[in-house]
C-alpha atoms as a PDB file:
ATOM      1  CA  MET A   1     136.870  79.688 123.851  1.00  0.00           C
ATOM      2  CA  ASN A   2     136.577  76.077 124.955  1.00  0.00           C
ATOM      3  CA  LEU A   3     139.135  73.908 126.676  1.00  0.00           C
ATOM      4  CA  ILE A   4     140.342  71.146 124.379  1.00  0.00           C
ATOM      5  CA  ASN A   5     140.761  67.599 125.652  1.00  0.00           C
ATOM      6  CA  SER A   6     143.613  68.298 128.064  1.00  0.00           C
ATOM      7  CA  THR A   7     143.049  68.749 131.781  1.00  0.00           C
ATOM      8  CA  LEU A   8     146.640  69.890 132.425  1.00  0.00           C
ATOM      9  CA  PRO A   9     149.331  71.812 130.545  1.00  0.00           C
ATOM     10  CA  ILE A  10     151.116  69.895 127.814  1.00  0.00           C
ATOM     11  CA  LEU A  11     154.824  69.556 127.132  1.00  0.00           C
ATOM     12  CA  ILE A  12     156.150  71.168 123.959  1.00  0.00           C
ATOM     13  CA  LYS A  13     159.636  70.880 122.480  1.00  0.00           C
ATOM     14  CA  VAL A  14     160.942  73.349 119.891  1.00  0.00           C
ATOM     15  CA  VAL A  15     162.599  71.207 117.218  1.00  0.00           C
ATOM     16  CA  ALA A  16     163.056  73.702 114.365  1.00  0.00           C
ATOM     17  CA  LYS A  17     162.807  77.373 113.425  1.00  0.00           C
ATOM     18  CA  SER A  18     161.961  78.420 109.856  1.00  0.00           C
ATOM     19  CA  GLY A  19     161.890  82.176 109.505  1.00  0.00           C
ATOM     20  CA  LEU A  20     160.704  84.974 111.744  1.00  0.00           C
ATOM     21  CA  GLY A  21     158.354  83.601 114.393  1.00  0.00           C
ATOM     22  CA  HIS A  22     157.763  80.285 112.631  1.00  0.00           C
ATOM     23  CA  TYR A  23     158.557  77.090 114.538  1.00  0.00           C
ATOM     24  CA  THR A  24     158.145  73.328 114.392  1.00  0.00           C
ATOM     25  CA  LEU A  25     156.988  71.913 117.709  1.00  0.00           C
ATOM     26  CA  LEU A  26     156.921  68.364 119.002  1.00  0.00           C
ATOM     27  CA  LEU A  27     153.726  67.461 120.906  1.00  0.00           C
ATOM     28  CA  ASN A  28     152.980  63.903 122.012  1.00  0.00           C
ATOM     29  CA  HIS A  29     155.550  62.558 119.519  1.00  0.00           C
ATOM     30  CA  LYS A  30     153.907  64.472 116.637  1.00  0.00           C
ATOM     31  CA  GLU A  31     155.333  67.510 114.892  1.00  0.00           C
ATOM     32  CA  MET A  32     153.262  70.599 114.137  1.00  0.00           C
ATOM     33  CA  LYS A  33     154.154  73.949 112.564  1.00  0.00           C
ATOM     34  CA  THR A  34     153.073  77.144 114.266  1.00  0.00           C
ATOM     35  CA  LYS A  35     153.713  80.867 114.536  1.00  0.00           C
ATOM     36  CA  SER A  36     154.685  82.469 117.829  1.00  0.00           C
ATOM     37  CA  TYR A  37     154.911  86.149 118.708  1.00  0.00           C
ATOM     38  CA  VAL A  38     157.081  85.080 121.652  1.00  0.00           C
ATOM     39  CA  GLU A  39     160.620  84.107 120.714  1.00  0.00           C
ATOM     40  CA  LEU A  40     161.233  80.446 121.479  1.00  0.00           C
ATOM     41  CA  GLU A  41     164.588  78.793 122.105  1.00  0.00           C
ATOM     42  CA  LEU A  42     165.525  76.014 119.725  1.00  0.00           C
ATOM     43  CA  GLY A  43     165.788  72.691 121.570  1.00  0.00           C
ATOM     44  CA  ALA A  44     164.074  74.035 124.695  1.00  0.00           C
ATOM     45  CA  GLN A  45     160.983  72.508 126.287  1.00  0.00           C
ATOM     46  CA  TYR A  46     157.935  74.485 127.402  1.00  0.00           C
ATOM     47  CA  LEU A  47     154.703  73.853 129.239  1.00  0.00           C
ATOM     48  CA  ALA A  48     151.599  75.538 127.841  1.00  0.00           C
ATOM     49  CA  GLU A  49     147.828  75.366 128.108  1.00  0.00           C
ATOM     50  CA  PRO A  50     146.169  74.353 124.819  1.00  0.00           C
ATOM     51  CA  TYR A  51     142.826  75.864 123.830  1.00  0.00           C
ATOM     52  CA  MET A  52     140.713  75.440 120.718  1.00  0.00           C
ATOM     53  CA  GLN A  53     139.449  78.624 119.061  1.00  0.00           C
ATOM     54  CA  ALA A  54     137.909  78.930 115.574  1.00  0.00           C
ATOM     55  CA  GLY A  55     139.127  75.452 114.702  1.00  0.00           C
ATOM     56  CA  MET A  56     142.743  76.232 115.604  1.00  0.00           C
ATOM     57  CA  ILE A  57     144.871  75.275 118.602  1.00  0.00           C
ATOM     58  CA  HIS A  58     146.175  78.199 120.628  1.00  0.00           C
ATOM     59  CA  PHE A  59     148.670  78.003 123.472  1.00  0.00           C
ATOM     60  CA  LYS A  60     148.446  80.219 126.540  1.00  0.00           C
ATOM     61  CA  HIS A  61     150.725  80.791 129.539  1.00  0.00           C
ATOM     62  CA  LEU A  62     153.836  79.471 127.806  1.00  0.00           C
ATOM     63  CA  SER A  63     156.449  78.612 130.437  1.00  0.00           C
ATOM     64  CA  ARG A  64     159.983  77.388 129.741  1.00  0.00           C
ATOM     65  CA  CYS A  65     160.894  74.188 131.586  1.00  0.00           C
ATOM     66  CA  PRO A  66     163.957  74.533 133.816  1.00  0.00           C
ATOM     67  CA  GLU A  67     166.884  72.171 133.409  1.00  0.00           C
ATOM     68  CA  ILE A  68     166.792  70.018 136.551  1.00  0.00           C
ATOM     69  CA  SER A  69     169.444  67.400 137.216  1.00  0.00           C
ATOM     70  CA  PRO A  70     167.908  64.174 138.561  1.00  0.00           C
ATOM     71  CA  PHE A  71     169.005  63.425 142.137  1.00  0.00           C
ATOM     72  CA  GLU A  72     167.881  60.010 143.340  1.00  0.00           C
ATOM     73  CA  GLU A  73     168.700  60.766 146.986  1.00  0.00           C
ATOM     74  CA  GLY A  74     166.520  63.871 146.946  1.00  0.00           C
ATOM     75  CA  LEU A  75     163.230  62.458 148.272  1.00  0.00           C
ATOM     76  CA  GLY A  76     164.911  60.818 151.252  1.00  0.00           C
ATOM     77  CA  LEU A  77     166.768  64.040 151.922  1.00  0.00           C
ATOM     78  CA  ILE A  78     163.503  66.026 151.907  1.00  0.00           C
ATOM     79  CA  VAL A  79     161.946  63.615 154.407  1.00  0.00           C
ATOM     80  CA  GLU A  80     164.944  63.947 156.752  1.00  0.00           C
ATOM     81  CA  LEU A  81     164.853  67.735 156.433  1.00  0.00           C
ATOM     82  CA  LEU A  82     161.129  67.971 157.205  1.00  0.00           C
ATOM     83  CA  GLU A  83     161.527  65.637 160.183  1.00  0.00           C
ATOM     84  CA  GLY A  84     164.283  67.885 161.538  1.00  0.00           C
ATOM     85  CA  ASP A  85     166.902  65.121 161.546  1.00  0.00           C
ATOM     86  CA  LEU A  86     169.346  66.727 159.127  1.00  0.00           C
ATOM     87  CA  ASP A  87     172.176  69.255 159.326  1.00  0.00           C
ATOM     88  CA  PHE A  88     171.739  70.349 155.717  1.00  0.00           C
ATOM     89  CA  GLN A  89     175.001  72.218 155.141  1.00  0.00           C
ATOM     90  CA  ALA A  90     177.032  69.540 156.924  1.00  0.00           C
ATOM     91  CA  TYR A  91     175.424  66.928 154.646  1.00  0.00           C
ATOM     92  CA  ILE A  92     176.368  68.930 151.545  1.00  0.00           C
ATOM     93  CA  VAL A  93     179.962  69.587 152.597  1.00  0.00           C
ATOM     94  CA  GLU A  94     180.556  65.962 153.626  1.00  0.00           C
ATOM     95  CA  ASN A  95     179.168  64.598 150.363  1.00  0.00           C
ATOM     96  CA  LEU A  96     181.015  67.156 148.239  1.00  0.00           C
ATOM     97  CA  ALA A  97     184.284  66.040 149.815  1.00  0.00           C
ATOM     98  CA  GLN A  98     183.533  62.395 149.000  1.00  0.00           C
ATOM     99  CA  CYS A  99     181.834  62.851 145.612  1.00  0.00           C
ATOM    100  CA  LYS A 100     183.479  61.341 142.531  1.00  0.00           C
ATOM    101  CA  ASP A 101     180.534  61.647 140.136  1.00  0.00           C
ATOM    102  CA  SER A 102     180.410  64.893 138.111  1.00  0.00           C
ATOM    103  CA  ALA A 103     176.589  65.008 137.855  1.00  0.00           C
ATOM    104  CA  THR A 104     176.109  64.543 141.610  1.00  0.00           C
ATOM    105  CA  TYR A 105     178.895  67.046 142.284  1.00  0.00           C
ATOM    106  CA  ARG A 106     177.037  69.633 140.178  1.00  0.00           C
ATOM    107  CA  VAL A 107     173.823  69.066 142.142  1.00  0.00           C
ATOM    108  CA  LEU A 108     175.600  69.320 145.502  1.00  0.00           C
ATOM    109  CA  LYS A 109     177.357  72.492 144.344  1.00  0.00           C
ATOM    110  CA  GLU A 110     173.996  74.108 143.492  1.00  0.00           C
ATOM    111  CA  MET A 111     172.619  73.003 146.860  1.00  0.00           C
ATOM    112  CA  LEU A 112     175.580  74.592 148.636  1.00  0.00           C
ATOM    113  CA  PHE A 113     175.283  77.958 146.882  1.00  0.00           C
ATOM    114  CA  ALA A 114     171.518  78.019 147.542  1.00  0.00           C
ATOM    115  CA  SER A 115     172.049  77.244 151.232  1.00  0.00           C
ATOM    116  CA  LEU A 116     174.376  80.253 151.506  1.00  0.00           C
ATOM    117  CA  GLU A 117     171.364  82.376 150.488  1.00  0.00           C
ATOM    118  CA  GLY A 118     169.144  80.694 153.071  1.00  0.00           C
ATOM    119  CA  VAL A 119     167.376  78.445 150.557  1.00  0.00           C
ATOM    120  CA  PHE A 120     167.002  74.669 150.847  1.00  0.00           C
ATOM    121  CA  HIS A 121     167.416  73.526 147.232  1.00  0.00           C
ATOM    122  CA  ILE A 122     166.794  69.817 146.630  1.00  0.00           C
ATOM    123  CA  PRO A 123     166.236  68.191 143.225  1.00  0.00           C
ATOM    124  CA  PHE A 124     164.465  64.833 143.425  1.00  0.00           C
ATOM    125  CA  VAL A 125     162.965  62.162 141.210  1.00  0.00           C
ATOM    126  CA  PHE A 126     159.214  61.479 141.183  1.00  0.00           C
ATOM    127  CA  GLU A 127     157.653  58.880 138.876  1.00  0.00           C
ATOM    128  CA  GLY A 128     160.857  58.760 136.868  1.00  0.00           C
ATOM    129  CA  ARG A 129     161.038  62.522 136.234  1.00  0.00           C
ATOM    130  CA  ALA A 130     163.363  65.149 137.664  1.00  0.00           C
ATOM    131  CA  CYS A 131     161.576  67.578 139.996  1.00  0.00           C
ATOM    132  CA  LEU A 132     162.669  70.327 142.356  1.00  0.00           C
ATOM    133  CA  LEU A 133     161.900  71.576 145.856  1.00  0.00           C
ATOM    134  CA  GLN A 134     163.116  74.918 147.187  1.00  0.00           C
ATOM    135  CA  MET A 135     162.215  76.124 150.659  1.00  0.00           C
ATOM    136  CA  LYS A 136     162.933  79.318 152.570  1.00  0.00           C
ATOM    137  CA  LYS A 137     161.949  80.303 156.109  1.00  0.00           C
ATOM    138  CA  ARG A 138     161.407  83.949 157.028  1.00  0.00           C
ATOM    139  CA  GLY A 139     160.698  84.179 160.729  1.00  0.00           C
ATOM    140  CA  GLY A 140     157.482  82.227 161.262  1.00  0.00           C
ATOM    141  CA  ASN A 141     156.686  82.255 157.541  1.00  0.00           C
ATOM    142  CA  LEU A 142     157.503  79.523 155.056  1.00  0.00           C
ATOM    143  CA  GLU A 143     157.755  79.748 151.270  1.00  0.00           C
ATOM    144  CA  LEU A 144     158.069  76.736 148.984  1.00  0.00           C
ATOM    145  CA  TYR A 145     158.861  76.533 145.291  1.00  0.00           C
ATOM    146  CA  LEU A 146     158.019  73.216 143.653  1.00  0.00           C
ATOM    147  CA  TYR A 147     158.502  72.094 140.082  1.00  0.00           C
ATOM    148  CA  PHE A 148     156.773  68.989 138.731  1.00  0.00           C
ATOM    149  CA  SER A 149     156.869  68.152 135.035  1.00  0.00           C
ATOM    150  CA  VAL A 150     153.092  67.648 134.969  1.00  0.00           C
ATOM    151  CA  PHE A 151     152.138  70.827 136.859  1.00  0.00           C
ATOM    152  CA  GLY A 152     155.033  73.160 136.141  1.00  0.00           C
ATOM    153  CA  ALA A 153     156.053  75.670 138.808  1.00  0.00           C
ATOM    154  CA  LEU A 154     154.092  75.915 142.057  1.00  0.00           C
ATOM    155  CA  LYS A 155     154.527  78.298 144.971  1.00  0.00           C
ATOM    156  CA  MET A 156     153.234  77.625 148.472  1.00  0.00           C
ATOM    157  CA  LEU A 157     153.056  80.237 151.217  1.00  0.00           C
ATOM    158  CA  SER A 158     152.408  79.587 154.905  1.00  0.00           C
ATOM    159  CA  ASP A 159     152.053  82.702 157.062  1.00  0.00           C
ATOM    160  CA  GLU A 160     149.574  84.529 159.289  1.00  0.00           C
ATOM    161  CA  ALA A 161     147.063  84.493 156.399  1.00  0.00           C
ATOM    162  CA  GLY A 162     147.157  80.689 156.247  1.00  0.00           C
ATOM    163  CA  VAL A 163     148.413  78.255 153.605  1.00  0.00           C
ATOM    164  CA  ARG A 164     147.948  79.023 149.909  1.00  0.00           C
ATOM    165  CA  LEU A 165     149.191  77.436 146.702  1.00  0.00           C
ATOM    166  CA  PHE A 166     149.890  79.424 143.533  1.00  0.00           C
ATOM    167  CA  THR A 167     150.146  78.293 139.903  1.00  0.00           C
ATOM    168  CA  PRO A 168     150.492  80.164 136.602  1.00  0.00           C
ATOM    169  CA  PHE A 169     148.094  77.738 134.893  1.00  0.00           C
ATOM    170  CA  LEU A 170     144.302  77.931 135.057  1.00  0.00           C
ATOM    171  CA  LYS A 171     144.004  74.225 134.275  1.00  0.00           C
ATOM    172  CA  VAL A 172     146.325  73.315 137.154  1.00  0.00           C
ATOM    173  CA  GLN A 173     144.323  75.582 139.463  1.00  0.00           C
ATOM    174  CA  LYS A 174     141.080  73.849 138.497  1.00  0.00           C
ATOM    175  CA  PHE A 175     142.578  70.371 138.860  1.00  0.00           C
ATOM    176  CA  LEU A 176     144.312  70.932 142.201  1.00  0.00           C
ATOM    177  CA  SER A 177     141.214  72.656 143.604  1.00  0.00           C
ATOM    178  CA  THR A 178     139.467  69.281 143.327  1.00  0.00           C
ATOM    179  CA  GLN A 179     142.344  67.471 145.078  1.00  0.00           C
ATOM    180  CA  LEU A 180     143.444  69.802 147.889  1.00  0.00           C
ATOM    181  CA  GLU A 181     141.624  71.575 150.701  1.00  0.00           C
ATOM    182  CA  ILE A 182     143.661  74.793 150.601  1.00  0.00           C
ATOM    183  CA  PRO A 183     143.136  77.873 148.402  1.00  0.00           C
ATOM    184  CA  ILE A 184     144.661  77.440 144.911  1.00  0.00           C
ATOM    185  CA  LEU A 185     145.340  80.770 143.231  1.00  0.00           C
ATOM    186  CA  CYS A 186     146.615  81.841 139.813  1.00  0.00           C
ATOM    187  CA  GLU A 187     149.739  83.998 139.633  1.00  0.00           C
ATOM    188  CA  GLY A 188     151.165  85.228 136.348  1.00  0.00           C
ATOM    189  CA  LYS A 189     154.761  84.081 136.709  1.00  0.00           C
ATOM    190  CA  ILE A 190     156.365  82.022 139.450  1.00  0.00           C
ATOM    191  CA  GLU A 191     160.099  82.426 139.906  1.00  0.00           C
ATOM    192  CA  PRO A 192     162.368  80.004 141.788  1.00  0.00           C
ATOM    193  CA  LEU A 193     163.707  81.087 145.174  1.00  0.00           C
ATOM    194  CA  PHE A 194     167.218  80.425 143.911  1.00  0.00           C
ATOM    195  CA  ALA A 195     168.719  80.236 140.420  1.00  0.00           C
ATOM    196  CA  PHE A 196     172.296  79.018 140.114  1.00  0.00           C
ATOM    197  CA  LYS A 197     174.565  81.394 138.213  1.00  0.00           C
ATOM    198  CA  LYS A 198     177.488  79.636 136.568  1.00  0.00           C
ATOM    199  CA  LEU A 199     180.137  82.021 137.825  1.00  0.00           C
ATOM    200  CA  PHE A 200     182.665  79.268 138.383  1.00  0.00           C
ATOM    201  CA  ASP A 201     183.558  76.087 136.585  1.00  0.00           C
ATOM    202  CA  PHE A 202     184.186  73.483 139.241  1.00  0.00           C
ATOM    203  CA  LYS A 203     185.130  69.997 138.167  1.00  0.00           C
ATOM    204  CA  GLY A 204     184.071  66.983 140.188  1.00  0.00           C
END
């Protein structure tokens, strides 16, 4: 099995379903029909690693893309947090009280609920795309969850064993191993540190 001409996972959108396990996918603005033994959600986007085998394209490590609301203030907020110049919960509460935009209100609401579970949850925008940082401290240990549209989900651990980065994609592991000087490891599935459950319907 050889890698096809793609050094990173590719973005797939499910645009149609035609019978049991048969789907139409959108890849690089082109539609293709395929069969999947994994049930796919119509309209959802996925990251997957493409491989060529016996003249056919196969996709491995299919991972559904989370729905991340873009938050333009996110990067600046992350910098303040890492520099230790921010009372995170006070920032959220103050901005919730003043917020008049429903999209921003939704983001701040998610940040508040995450903070109550000890998780710093900050969406941000990088190169025009919505991304996500989640961070949790456990004593002297630190765990990060990162989501970039080009890499998918990443997990970083910093503890007595050192700093390691985890990815579900072999291609991402190979690429980042050439860019970073820390161990890059493959892990089957990477879950966020916090997932917002829509138990309430707040209006901004």
